[in-house]
């Protein structure tokens, strides 16, 4: 009895071991290839539970997500002007035909990246050689990236890979050229700044001269109007004096004498030396009579 139970347990364990060796799970982020004695038997691209023949078949998994190939150090390329530029780029790619990928590069990601990098660099050298620095840096940058993607994808399909994007992160001059370029840029900026300062100073002088001119005109017009008003006032005063004198010359003389006394004796400290018989004092001596 015990022997039968032991045999059943051993059989159950063996069945579990065989079952575990026969089952494999494909994740949604993976593709899988089933091999039998080194030969490709089937390809699993859908996620889920799958079976294989234990001991005779083995499974190898491959990442189906979008991967990034970063060039690392910037590469040096020559433009149509025979100028060197340093280009930093990266590539977005993924495996679309896992069987072809395995056959072409043995399923080795390093070999696939090397192949992609060579293709991209070759296309980049060709495209940069046809364009100027301005076109490479800004003028046709988007067009260059699209051409690079198309060429790289066309070649990558041969190894079961799709190239989704090729991006130029940075296009710059080598250090020895950058310094001279920066010096020229600095000199150009200073020249423009000096021109702006000079034109600003000239405009400022023009505005100042115009303001001074307007000031002189305003002052001249104000002086003219003041003199005109003063002349009119003096004329009216003279007319009034003449009218007053015509009506009563004695009262007019008396009034003018009072004004003279008022102006002469305004302050206590004022001193005048005159002959007492002078006509200046005739209204002080005889205020109610006509003086001689």
C-alpha atoms as a PDB file:
ATOM      1  CA  UNK A   1       0.000   0.000   0.000  1.00  0.00           C
ATOM      2  CA  UNK A   2       2.722   2.396   1.004  1.00  0.00           C
ATOM      3  CA  UNK A   3       4.645   1.435  -2.087  1.00  0.00           C
ATOM      4  CA  UNK A   4       1.681   2.315  -4.284  1.00  0.00           C
ATOM      5  CA  UNK A   5       1.317   5.697  -2.582  1.00  0.00           C
ATOM      6  CA  UNK A   6       5.003   6.385  -3.063  1.00  0.00           C
ATOM      7  CA  UNK A   7       4.765   5.477  -6.714  1.00  0.00           C
ATOM      8  CA  UNK A   8       1.784   7.804  -7.106  1.00  0.00           C
ATOM      9  CA  UNK A   9       3.637  10.694  -5.457  1.00  0.00           C
ATOM     10  CA  UNK A  10       6.700  10.108  -7.593  1.00  0.00           C
ATOM     11  CA  UNK A  11       4.507   9.965 -10.685  1.00  0.00           C
ATOM     12  CA  UNK A  12       2.707  13.169  -9.705  1.00  0.00           C
ATOM     13  CA  UNK A  13       5.976  14.982  -9.108  1.00  0.00           C
ATOM     14  CA  UNK A  14       7.344  13.730 -12.396  1.00  0.00           C
ATOM     15  CA  UNK A  15       4.185  14.854 -14.171  1.00  0.00           C
ATOM     16  CA  UNK A  16       4.452  18.302 -12.597  1.00  0.00           C
ATOM     17  CA  UNK A  17       8.090  18.554 -13.629  1.00  0.00           C
ATOM     18  CA  UNK A  18       7.285  17.512 -17.197  1.00  0.00           C
ATOM     19  CA  UNK A  19       4.317  19.904 -17.280  1.00  0.00           C
ATOM     20  CA  UNK A  20       6.429  22.799 -16.005  1.00  0.00           C
ATOM     21  CA  UNK A  21       9.032  22.031 -18.655  1.00  0.00           C
ATOM     22  CA  UNK A  22       6.303  21.958 -21.301  1.00  0.00           C
ATOM     23  CA  UNK A  23       4.698  25.305 -20.464  1.00  0.00           C
ATOM     24  CA  UNK A  24       6.062  28.783 -21.148  1.00  0.00           C
ATOM     25  CA  UNK A  25       4.447  32.216 -21.028  1.00  0.00           C
ATOM     26  CA  UNK A  26       4.968  34.943 -23.606  1.00  0.00           C
ATOM     27  CA  UNK A  27       4.732  38.410 -22.060  1.00  0.00           C
ATOM     28  CA  UNK A  28       3.007  41.235 -23.979  1.00  0.00           C
ATOM     29  CA  UNK A  29       6.382  42.969 -24.188  1.00  0.00           C
ATOM     30  CA  UNK A  30       8.066  39.980 -25.819  1.00  0.00           C
ATOM     31  CA  UNK A  31       8.221  37.727 -28.846  1.00  0.00           C
ATOM     32  CA  UNK A  32       9.427  34.163 -28.599  1.00  0.00           C
ATOM     33  CA  UNK A  33      11.030  31.578 -30.888  1.00  0.00           C
ATOM     34  CA  UNK A  34      10.647  27.859 -30.221  1.00  0.00           C
ATOM     35  CA  UNK A  35      13.691  25.782 -31.261  1.00  0.00           C
ATOM     36  CA  UNK A  36      13.922  22.064 -31.734  1.00  0.00           C
ATOM     37  CA  UNK A  37      17.447  20.730 -31.868  1.00  0.00           C
ATOM     38  CA  UNK A  38      18.661  24.173 -32.957  1.00  0.00           C
ATOM     39  CA  UNK A  39      16.105  24.637 -35.718  1.00  0.00           C
ATOM     40  CA  UNK A  40      13.326  27.218 -35.581  1.00  0.00           C
ATOM     41  CA  UNK A  41      10.012  25.439 -35.101  1.00  0.00           C
ATOM     42  CA  UNK A  42       7.591  28.289 -34.424  1.00  0.00           C
ATOM     43  CA  UNK A  43       7.402  31.963 -33.565  1.00  0.00           C
ATOM     44  CA  UNK A  44       5.141  33.285 -30.823  1.00  0.00           C
ATOM     45  CA  UNK A  45       4.154  36.946 -31.166  1.00  0.00           C
ATOM     46  CA  UNK A  46       0.916  36.906 -29.160  1.00  0.00           C
ATOM     47  CA  UNK A  47       1.029  37.058 -25.347  1.00  0.00           C
ATOM     48  CA  UNK A  48      -0.293  34.068 -23.445  1.00  0.00           C
ATOM     49  CA  UNK A  49       0.335  30.486 -22.341  1.00  0.00           C
ATOM     50  CA  UNK A  50       2.128  28.154 -24.777  1.00  0.00           C
ATOM     51  CA  UNK A  51       3.441  24.614 -24.836  1.00  0.00           C
ATOM     52  CA  UNK A  52       6.625  22.946 -26.024  1.00  0.00           C
ATOM     53  CA  UNK A  53       8.114  19.478 -26.051  1.00  0.00           C
ATOM     54  CA  UNK A  54      10.319  19.162 -22.974  1.00  0.00           C
ATOM     55  CA  UNK A  55      13.993  18.320 -23.446  1.00  0.00           C
ATOM     56  CA  UNK A  56      13.676  18.458 -27.235  1.00  0.00           C
ATOM     57  CA  UNK A  57      12.505  22.045 -27.581  1.00  0.00           C
ATOM     58  CA  UNK A  58      13.728  25.286 -26.011  1.00  0.00           C
ATOM     59  CA  UNK A  59      12.432  28.833 -26.126  1.00  0.00           C
ATOM     60  CA  UNK A  60      14.245  32.129 -26.576  1.00  0.00           C
ATOM     61  CA  UNK A  61      12.589  35.473 -25.816  1.00  0.00           C
ATOM     62  CA  UNK A  62      13.149  38.811 -27.580  1.00  0.00           C
ATOM     63  CA  UNK A  63      12.076  42.296 -26.497  1.00  0.00           C
ATOM     64  CA  UNK A  64       9.328  43.720 -28.730  1.00  0.00           C
ATOM     65  CA  UNK A  65       9.323  47.197 -27.169  1.00  0.00           C
ATOM     66  CA  UNK A  66      10.779  50.326 -28.778  1.00  0.00           C
ATOM     67  CA  UNK A  67      14.491  50.443 -28.068  1.00  0.00           C
ATOM     68  CA  UNK A  68      16.936  53.345 -28.178  1.00  0.00           C
ATOM     69  CA  UNK A  69      20.283  53.323 -29.904  1.00  0.00           C
ATOM     70  CA  UNK A  70      22.381  56.232 -28.651  1.00  0.00           C
ATOM     71  CA  UNK A  71      25.538  56.922 -30.607  1.00  0.00           C
ATOM     72  CA  UNK A  72      27.390  57.895 -27.449  1.00  0.00           C
ATOM     73  CA  UNK A  73      30.269  60.098 -28.566  1.00  0.00           C
ATOM     74  CA  UNK A  74      29.486  62.651 -31.304  1.00  0.00           C
ATOM     75  CA  UNK A  75      30.567  61.628 -34.804  1.00  0.00           C
ATOM     76  CA  UNK A  76      32.526  63.930 -37.129  1.00  0.00           C
ATOM     77  CA  UNK A  77      31.139  64.589 -40.625  1.00  0.00           C
ATOM     78  CA  UNK A  78      32.121  66.879 -43.512  1.00  0.00           C
ATOM     79  CA  UNK A  79      29.637  69.281 -45.133  1.00  0.00           C
ATOM     80  CA  UNK A  80      29.512  70.417 -48.764  1.00  0.00           C
ATOM     81  CA  UNK A  81      31.726  73.370 -47.746  1.00  0.00           C
ATOM     82  CA  UNK A  82      34.410  70.931 -46.536  1.00  0.00           C
ATOM     83  CA  UNK A  83      33.760  72.000 -42.944  1.00  0.00           C
ATOM     84  CA  UNK A  84      33.814  69.535 -40.073  1.00  0.00           C
ATOM     85  CA  UNK A  85      30.799  69.240 -37.792  1.00  0.00           C
ATOM     86  CA  UNK A  86      30.174  67.080 -34.738  1.00  0.00           C
ATOM     87  CA  UNK A  87      26.823  65.302 -34.749  1.00  0.00           C
ATOM     88  CA  UNK A  88      25.171  63.688 -31.740  1.00  0.00           C
ATOM     89  CA  UNK A  89      22.221  61.469 -32.670  1.00  0.00           C
ATOM     90  CA  UNK A  90      20.012  58.608 -31.525  1.00  0.00           C
ATOM     91  CA  UNK A  91      17.783  56.013 -33.184  1.00  0.00           C
ATOM     92  CA  UNK A  92      14.443  54.561 -32.077  1.00  0.00           C
ATOM     93  CA  UNK A  93      13.927  50.972 -33.291  1.00  0.00           C
ATOM     94  CA  UNK A  94      12.143  47.699 -32.545  1.00  0.00           C
ATOM     95  CA  UNK A  95      12.026  44.096 -33.702  1.00  0.00           C
ATOM     96  CA  UNK A  96       9.131  43.421 -36.097  1.00  0.00           C
ATOM     97  CA  UNK A  97      10.198  40.070 -37.623  1.00  0.00           C
ATOM     98  CA  UNK A  98      11.754  38.064 -34.818  1.00  0.00           C
ATOM     99  CA  UNK A  99      12.629  35.072 -37.033  1.00  0.00           C
ATOM    100  CA  UNK A 100      14.451  37.244 -39.578  1.00  0.00           C
ATOM    101  CA  UNK A 101      16.107  39.069 -36.699  1.00  0.00           C
ATOM    102  CA  UNK A 102      17.438  35.781 -35.338  1.00  0.00           C
ATOM    103  CA  UNK A 103      18.563  34.525 -38.736  1.00  0.00           C
ATOM    104  CA  UNK A 104      20.322  37.797 -39.652  1.00  0.00           C
ATOM    105  CA  UNK A 105      22.111  38.743 -36.416  1.00  0.00           C
ATOM    106  CA  UNK A 106      21.671  35.619 -34.344  1.00  0.00           C
ATOM    107  CA  UNK A 107      19.293  37.467 -32.051  1.00  0.00           C
ATOM    108  CA  UNK A 108      22.236  39.491 -30.753  1.00  0.00           C
ATOM    109  CA  UNK A 109      21.160  43.028 -29.855  1.00  0.00           C
ATOM    110  CA  UNK A 110      24.747  44.306 -29.954  1.00  0.00           C
ATOM    111  CA  UNK A 111      25.168  43.101 -33.554  1.00  0.00           C
ATOM    112  CA  UNK A 112      21.822  44.666 -34.507  1.00  0.00           C
ATOM    113  CA  UNK A 113      22.840  48.017 -32.989  1.00  0.00           C
ATOM    114  CA  UNK A 114      26.178  47.907 -34.783  1.00  0.00           C
ATOM    115  CA  UNK A 115      24.414  47.281 -38.091  1.00  0.00           C
ATOM    116  CA  UNK A 116      21.961  50.141 -37.473  1.00  0.00           C
ATOM    117  CA  UNK A 117      24.717  52.519 -36.418  1.00  0.00           C
ATOM    118  CA  UNK A 118      26.742  51.764 -39.539  1.00  0.00           C
ATOM    119  CA  UNK A 119      23.700  52.365 -41.746  1.00  0.00           C
ATOM    120  CA  UNK A 120      22.799  55.641 -40.062  1.00  0.00           C
ATOM    121  CA  UNK A 121      26.390  56.938 -40.131  1.00  0.00           C
ATOM    122  CA  UNK A 122      26.754  56.047 -43.804  1.00  0.00           C
ATOM    123  CA  UNK A 123      23.517  57.843 -44.689  1.00  0.00           C
ATOM    124  CA  UNK A 124      24.465  60.798 -42.523  1.00  0.00           C
ATOM    125  CA  UNK A 125      27.861  61.133 -44.220  1.00  0.00           C
ATOM    126  CA  UNK A 126      26.131  61.111 -47.605  1.00  0.00           C
ATOM    127  CA  UNK A 127      23.449  63.641 -46.652  1.00  0.00           C
ATOM    128  CA  UNK A 128      25.817  66.027 -44.870  1.00  0.00           C
ATOM    129  CA  UNK A 129      28.195  65.941 -47.842  1.00  0.00           C
ATOM    130  CA  UNK A 130      25.436  67.384 -50.038  1.00  0.00           C
ATOM    131  CA  UNK A 131      24.481  70.262 -47.721  1.00  0.00           C
ATOM    132  CA  UNK A 132      25.961  73.432 -46.268  1.00  0.00           C
ATOM    133  CA  UNK A 133      26.418  74.117 -42.562  1.00  0.00           C
ATOM    134  CA  UNK A 134      23.352  76.361 -42.473  1.00  0.00           C
ATOM    135  CA  UNK A 135      21.191  73.674 -44.070  1.00  0.00           C
ATOM    136  CA  UNK A 136      22.522  71.036 -41.690  1.00  0.00           C
ATOM    137  CA  UNK A 137      22.069  73.123 -38.538  1.00  0.00           C
ATOM    138  CA  UNK A 138      18.662  74.649 -39.192  1.00  0.00           C
ATOM    139  CA  UNK A 139      17.607  74.979 -42.830  1.00  0.00           C
ATOM    140  CA  UNK A 140      16.914  71.324 -43.727  1.00  0.00           C
ATOM    141  CA  UNK A 141      17.389  69.556 -40.414  1.00  0.00           C
ATOM    142  CA  UNK A 142      13.921  67.981 -40.372  1.00  0.00           C
ATOM    143  CA  UNK A 143      14.311  66.844 -43.961  1.00  0.00           C
ATOM    144  CA  UNK A 144      17.681  65.257 -43.195  1.00  0.00           C
ATOM    145  CA  UNK A 145      16.246  63.335 -40.240  1.00  0.00           C
ATOM    146  CA  UNK A 146      13.388  62.004 -42.373  1.00  0.00           C
ATOM    147  CA  UNK A 147      15.784  60.904 -45.120  1.00  0.00           C
ATOM    148  CA  UNK A 148      18.005  59.190 -42.548  1.00  0.00           C
ATOM    149  CA  UNK A 149      15.007  57.395 -41.044  1.00  0.00           C
ATOM    150  CA  UNK A 150      13.806  56.194 -44.433  1.00  0.00           C
ATOM    151  CA  UNK A 151      17.213  54.874 -45.486  1.00  0.00           C
ATOM    152  CA  UNK A 152      17.921  53.265 -42.121  1.00  0.00           C
ATOM    153  CA  UNK A 153      14.483  51.626 -42.032  1.00  0.00           C
ATOM    154  CA  UNK A 154      14.919  50.256 -45.566  1.00  0.00           C
ATOM    155  CA  UNK A 155      18.178  48.555 -44.583  1.00  0.00           C
ATOM    156  CA  UNK A 156      16.948  47.502 -41.124  1.00  0.00           C
ATOM    157  CA  UNK A 157      14.030  45.565 -42.616  1.00  0.00           C
ATOM    158  CA  UNK A 158      16.592  43.120 -43.965  1.00  0.00           C
ATOM    159  CA  UNK A 159      17.388  42.053 -40.403  1.00  0.00           C
ATOM    160  CA  UNK A 160      13.782  42.103 -39.171  1.00  0.00           C
ATOM    161  CA  UNK A 161      13.979  45.527 -37.530  1.00  0.00           C
ATOM    162  CA  UNK A 162      11.888  48.679 -37.987  1.00  0.00           C
ATOM    163  CA  UNK A 163      13.471  52.109 -37.537  1.00  0.00           C
ATOM    164  CA  UNK A 164      10.850  54.471 -36.101  1.00  0.00           C
ATOM    165  CA  UNK A 165      12.897  57.644 -35.819  1.00  0.00           C
ATOM    166  CA  UNK A 166      16.355  59.112 -36.283  1.00  0.00           C
ATOM    167  CA  UNK A 167      17.054  62.292 -34.329  1.00  0.00           C
ATOM    168  CA  UNK A 168      19.933  64.755 -34.481  1.00  0.00           C
ATOM    169  CA  UNK A 169      20.306  65.925 -30.897  1.00  0.00           C
ATOM    170  CA  UNK A 170      23.129  68.354 -31.539  1.00  0.00           C
ATOM    171  CA  UNK A 171      25.083  69.611 -34.551  1.00  0.00           C
ATOM    172  CA  UNK A 172      28.117  71.620 -33.528  1.00  0.00           C
ATOM    173  CA  UNK A 173      31.554  72.675 -34.681  1.00  0.00           C
ATOM    174  CA  UNK A 174      34.685  70.981 -33.373  1.00  0.00           C
ATOM    175  CA  UNK A 175      36.360  72.828 -30.499  1.00  0.00           C
ATOM    176  CA  UNK A 176      39.123  74.291 -32.645  1.00  0.00           C
ATOM    177  CA  UNK A 177      36.558  75.786 -35.032  1.00  0.00           C
ATOM    178  CA  UNK A 178      34.001  76.789 -32.389  1.00  0.00           C
ATOM    179  CA  UNK A 179      36.384  79.269 -30.755  1.00  0.00           C
ATOM    180  CA  UNK A 180      36.986  81.164 -33.998  1.00  0.00           C
ATOM    181  CA  UNK A 181      33.265  81.089 -34.791  1.00  0.00           C
ATOM    182  CA  UNK A 182      32.434  82.442 -31.349  1.00  0.00           C
ATOM    183  CA  UNK A 183      35.012  85.209 -31.787  1.00  0.00           C
ATOM    184  CA  UNK A 184      33.463  86.196 -35.115  1.00  0.00           C
ATOM    185  CA  UNK A 185      29.995  86.094 -33.585  1.00  0.00           C
ATOM    186  CA  UNK A 186      31.176  88.246 -30.673  1.00  0.00           C
ATOM    187  CA  UNK A 187      32.765  90.771 -33.054  1.00  0.00           C
ATOM    188  CA  UNK A 188      29.599  90.849 -35.159  1.00  0.00           C
ATOM    189  CA  UNK A 189      27.404  91.394 -32.093  1.00  0.00           C
ATOM    190  CA  UNK A 190      29.667  94.218 -30.927  1.00  0.00           C
ATOM    191  CA  UNK A 191      29.563  95.814 -34.374  1.00  0.00           C
ATOM    192  CA  UNK A 192      25.776  95.690 -34.411  1.00  0.00           C
ATOM    193  CA  UNK A 193      25.655  97.059 -30.860  1.00  0.00           C
ATOM    194  CA  UNK A 194      27.950  99.958 -31.810  1.00  0.00           C
ATOM    195  CA  UNK A 195      25.813 100.738 -34.845  1.00  0.00           C
ATOM    196  CA  UNK A 196      22.696 100.761 -32.694  1.00  0.00           C
ATOM    197  CA  UNK A 197      24.372 103.000 -30.121  1.00  0.00           C
ATOM    198  CA  UNK A 198      25.565 105.387 -32.842  1.00  0.00           C
ATOM    199  CA  UNK A 199      22.154 105.564 -34.503  1.00  0.00           C
ATOM    200  CA  UNK A 200      20.544 106.013 -31.073  1.00  0.00           C
ATOM    201  CA  UNK A 201      22.935 108.833 -30.204  1.00  0.00           C
ATOM    202  CA  UNK A 202      22.282 110.515 -33.563  1.00  0.00           C
ATOM    203  CA  UNK A 203      18.548 110.211 -33.064  1.00  0.00           C
ATOM    204  CA  UNK A 204      18.925 111.572 -29.538  1.00  0.00           C
ATOM    205  CA  UNK A 205      20.875 114.589 -30.798  1.00  0.00           C
ATOM    206  CA  UNK A 206      18.241 115.157 -33.464  1.00  0.00           C
ATOM    207  CA  UNK A 207      15.449 115.069 -30.883  1.00  0.00           C
ATOM    208  CA  UNK A 208      17.422 117.366 -28.555  1.00  0.00           C
ATOM    209  CA  UNK A 209      18.087 119.867 -31.375  1.00  0.00           C
ATOM    210  CA  UNK A 210      14.416 119.824 -32.324  1.00  0.00           C
ATOM    211  CA  UNK A 211      13.438 120.384 -28.677  1.00  0.00           C
ATOM    212  CA  UNK A 212      15.906 123.294 -28.356  1.00  0.00           C
ATOM    213  CA  UNK A 213      14.510 124.796 -31.553  1.00  0.00           C
ATOM    214  CA  UNK A 214      10.971 124.512 -30.284  1.00  0.00           C
ATOM    215  CA  UNK A 215      12.053 126.041 -26.949  1.00  0.00           C
ATOM    216  CA  UNK A 216      13.634 129.026 -28.676  1.00  0.00           C
ATOM    217  CA  UNK A 217      10.556 129.489 -30.850  1.00  0.00           C
ATOM    218  CA  UNK A 218       8.248 129.315 -27.836  1.00  0.00           C
ATOM    219  CA  UNK A 219      10.388 131.796 -25.858  1.00  0.00           C
ATOM    220  CA  UNK A 220      10.587 134.180 -28.837  1.00  0.00           C
ATOM    221  CA  UNK A 221       6.838 134.004 -29.355  1.00  0.00           C
ATOM    222  CA  UNK A 222       6.218 134.486 -25.639  1.00  0.00           C
ATOM    223  CA  UNK A 223       8.587 137.511 -25.537  1.00  0.00           C
ATOM    224  CA  UNK A 224       6.899 138.931 -28.621  1.00  0.00           C
ATOM    225  CA  UNK A 225       3.453 138.495 -27.101  1.00  0.00           C
ATOM    226  CA  UNK A 226       4.671 139.945 -23.778  1.00  0.00           C
ATOM    227  CA  UNK A 227       6.182 142.980 -25.493  1.00  0.00           C
ATOM    228  CA  UNK A 228       3.004 143.438 -27.500  1.00  0.00           C
ATOM    229  CA  UNK A 229       0.883 143.235 -24.346  1.00  0.00           C
ATOM    230  CA  UNK A 230       3.259 145.589 -22.529  1.00  0.00           C
ATOM    231  CA  UNK A 231       3.163 148.058 -25.412  1.00  0.00           C
ATOM    232  CA  UNK A 232      -0.606 147.947 -25.476  1.00  0.00           C
ATOM    233  CA  UNK A 233      -0.662 148.539 -21.708  1.00  0.00           C
ATOM    234  CA  UNK A 234       1.773 151.426 -21.979  1.00  0.00           C
ATOM    235  CA  UNK A 235      -0.304 152.927 -24.779  1.00  0.00           C
ATOM    236  CA  UNK A 236      -3.458 152.669 -22.706  1.00  0.00           C
ATOM    237  CA  UNK A 237      -1.659 154.178 -19.685  1.00  0.00           C
ATOM    238  CA  UNK A 238      -0.344 157.052 -21.789  1.00  0.00           C
ATOM    239  CA  UNK A 239      -3.815 157.601 -23.174  1.00  0.00           C
ATOM    240  CA  UNK A 240      -5.270 157.681 -19.672  1.00  0.00           C
ATOM    241  CA  UNK A 241      -2.544 160.063 -18.478  1.00  0.00           C
ATOM    242  CA  UNK A 242      -3.164 162.333 -21.449  1.00  0.00           C
ATOM    243  CA  UNK A 243      -6.928 162.275 -20.874  1.00  0.00           C
ATOM    244  CA  UNK A 244      -6.476 163.051 -17.186  1.00  0.00           C
ATOM    245  CA  UNK A 245      -4.073 165.903 -17.969  1.00  0.00           C
ATOM    246  CA  UNK A 246      -6.498 167.323 -20.553  1.00  0.00           C
ATOM    247  CA  UNK A 247      -9.365 167.408 -18.084  1.00  0.00           C
ATOM    248  CA  UNK A 248      -7.514 168.889 -15.089  1.00  0.00           C
ATOM    249  CA  UNK A 249      -3.824 169.562 -15.457  1.00  0.00           C
ATOM    250  CA  UNK A 250      -3.453 170.780 -11.879  1.00  0.00           C
ATOM    251  CA  UNK A 251      -4.985 167.598 -10.398  1.00  0.00           C
ATOM    252  CA  UNK A 252      -2.850 165.508 -12.720  1.00  0.00           C
ATOM    253  CA  UNK A 253       0.307 167.325 -11.480  1.00  0.00           C
ATOM    254  CA  UNK A 254      -0.837 166.878  -7.890  1.00  0.00           C
ATOM    255  CA  UNK A 255      -1.461 163.149  -8.384  1.00  0.00           C
ATOM    256  CA  UNK A 256       1.937 162.634 -10.039  1.00  0.00           C
ATOM    257  CA  UNK A 257       3.637 164.534  -7.214  1.00  0.00           C
ATOM    258  CA  UNK A 258       1.975 162.285  -4.616  1.00  0.00           C
ATOM    259  CA  UNK A 259       3.225 159.245  -6.512  1.00  0.00           C
ATOM    260  CA  UNK A 260       6.724 160.742  -6.546  1.00  0.00           C
ATOM    261  CA  UNK A 261       6.558 161.422  -2.762  1.00  0.00           C
ATOM    262  CA  UNK A 262       5.388 157.851  -2.188  1.00  0.00           C
ATOM    263  CA  UNK A 263       8.242 156.377  -4.182  1.00  0.00           C
ATOM    264  CA  UNK A 264      10.844 158.735  -2.677  1.00  0.00           C
ATOM    265  CA  UNK A 265       9.951 158.246   0.994  1.00  0.00           C
ATOM    266  CA  UNK A 266       9.154 154.519   0.926  1.00  0.00           C
ATOM    267  CA  UNK A 267      11.789 153.609   3.549  1.00  0.00           C
ATOM    268  CA  UNK A 268      12.716 155.512   6.730  1.00  0.00           C
ATOM    269  CA  UNK A 269      16.368 155.225   5.840  1.00  0.00           C
ATOM    270  CA  UNK A 270      15.925 157.017   2.485  1.00  0.00           C
ATOM    271  CA  UNK A 271      17.753 160.354   2.307  1.00  0.00           C
ATOM    272  CA  UNK A 272      17.281 163.138  -0.290  1.00  0.00           C
ATOM    273  CA  UNK A 273      19.242 166.356  -0.525  1.00  0.00           C
ATOM    274  CA  UNK A 274      17.219 169.056  -2.326  1.00  0.00           C
ATOM    275  CA  UNK A 275      16.764 172.821  -2.235  1.00  0.00           C
ATOM    276  CA  UNK A 276      13.726 173.598  -0.016  1.00  0.00           C
ATOM    277  CA  UNK A 277      12.462 175.991  -2.665  1.00  0.00           C
ATOM    278  CA  UNK A 278      12.508 173.239  -5.279  1.00  0.00           C
ATOM    279  CA  UNK A 279       9.298 172.574  -7.244  1.00  0.00           C
ATOM    280  CA  UNK A 280       9.437 169.018  -5.843  1.00  0.00           C
ATOM    281  CA  UNK A 281       8.025 170.317  -2.518  1.00  0.00           C
ATOM    282  CA  UNK A 282       5.474 172.773  -3.849  1.00  0.00           C
ATOM    283  CA  UNK A 283       2.473 170.569  -2.936  1.00  0.00           C
ATOM    284  CA  UNK A 284       3.950 169.876   0.512  1.00  0.00           C
ATOM    285  CA  UNK A 285       4.282 173.560   1.239  1.00  0.00           C
ATOM    286  CA  UNK A 286       0.991 174.644  -0.380  1.00  0.00           C
ATOM    287  CA  UNK A 287      -1.191 171.518  -0.674  1.00  0.00           C
ATOM    288  CA  UNK A 288      -4.322 173.448  -1.382  1.00  0.00           C
ATOM    289  CA  UNK A 289      -2.931 176.090  -3.771  1.00  0.00           C
ATOM    290  CA  UNK A 290      -1.265 176.209  -7.128  1.00  0.00           C
ATOM    291  CA  UNK A 291       2.472 176.375  -6.645  1.00  0.00           C
ATOM    292  CA  UNK A 292       4.825 178.485  -8.706  1.00  0.00           C
END
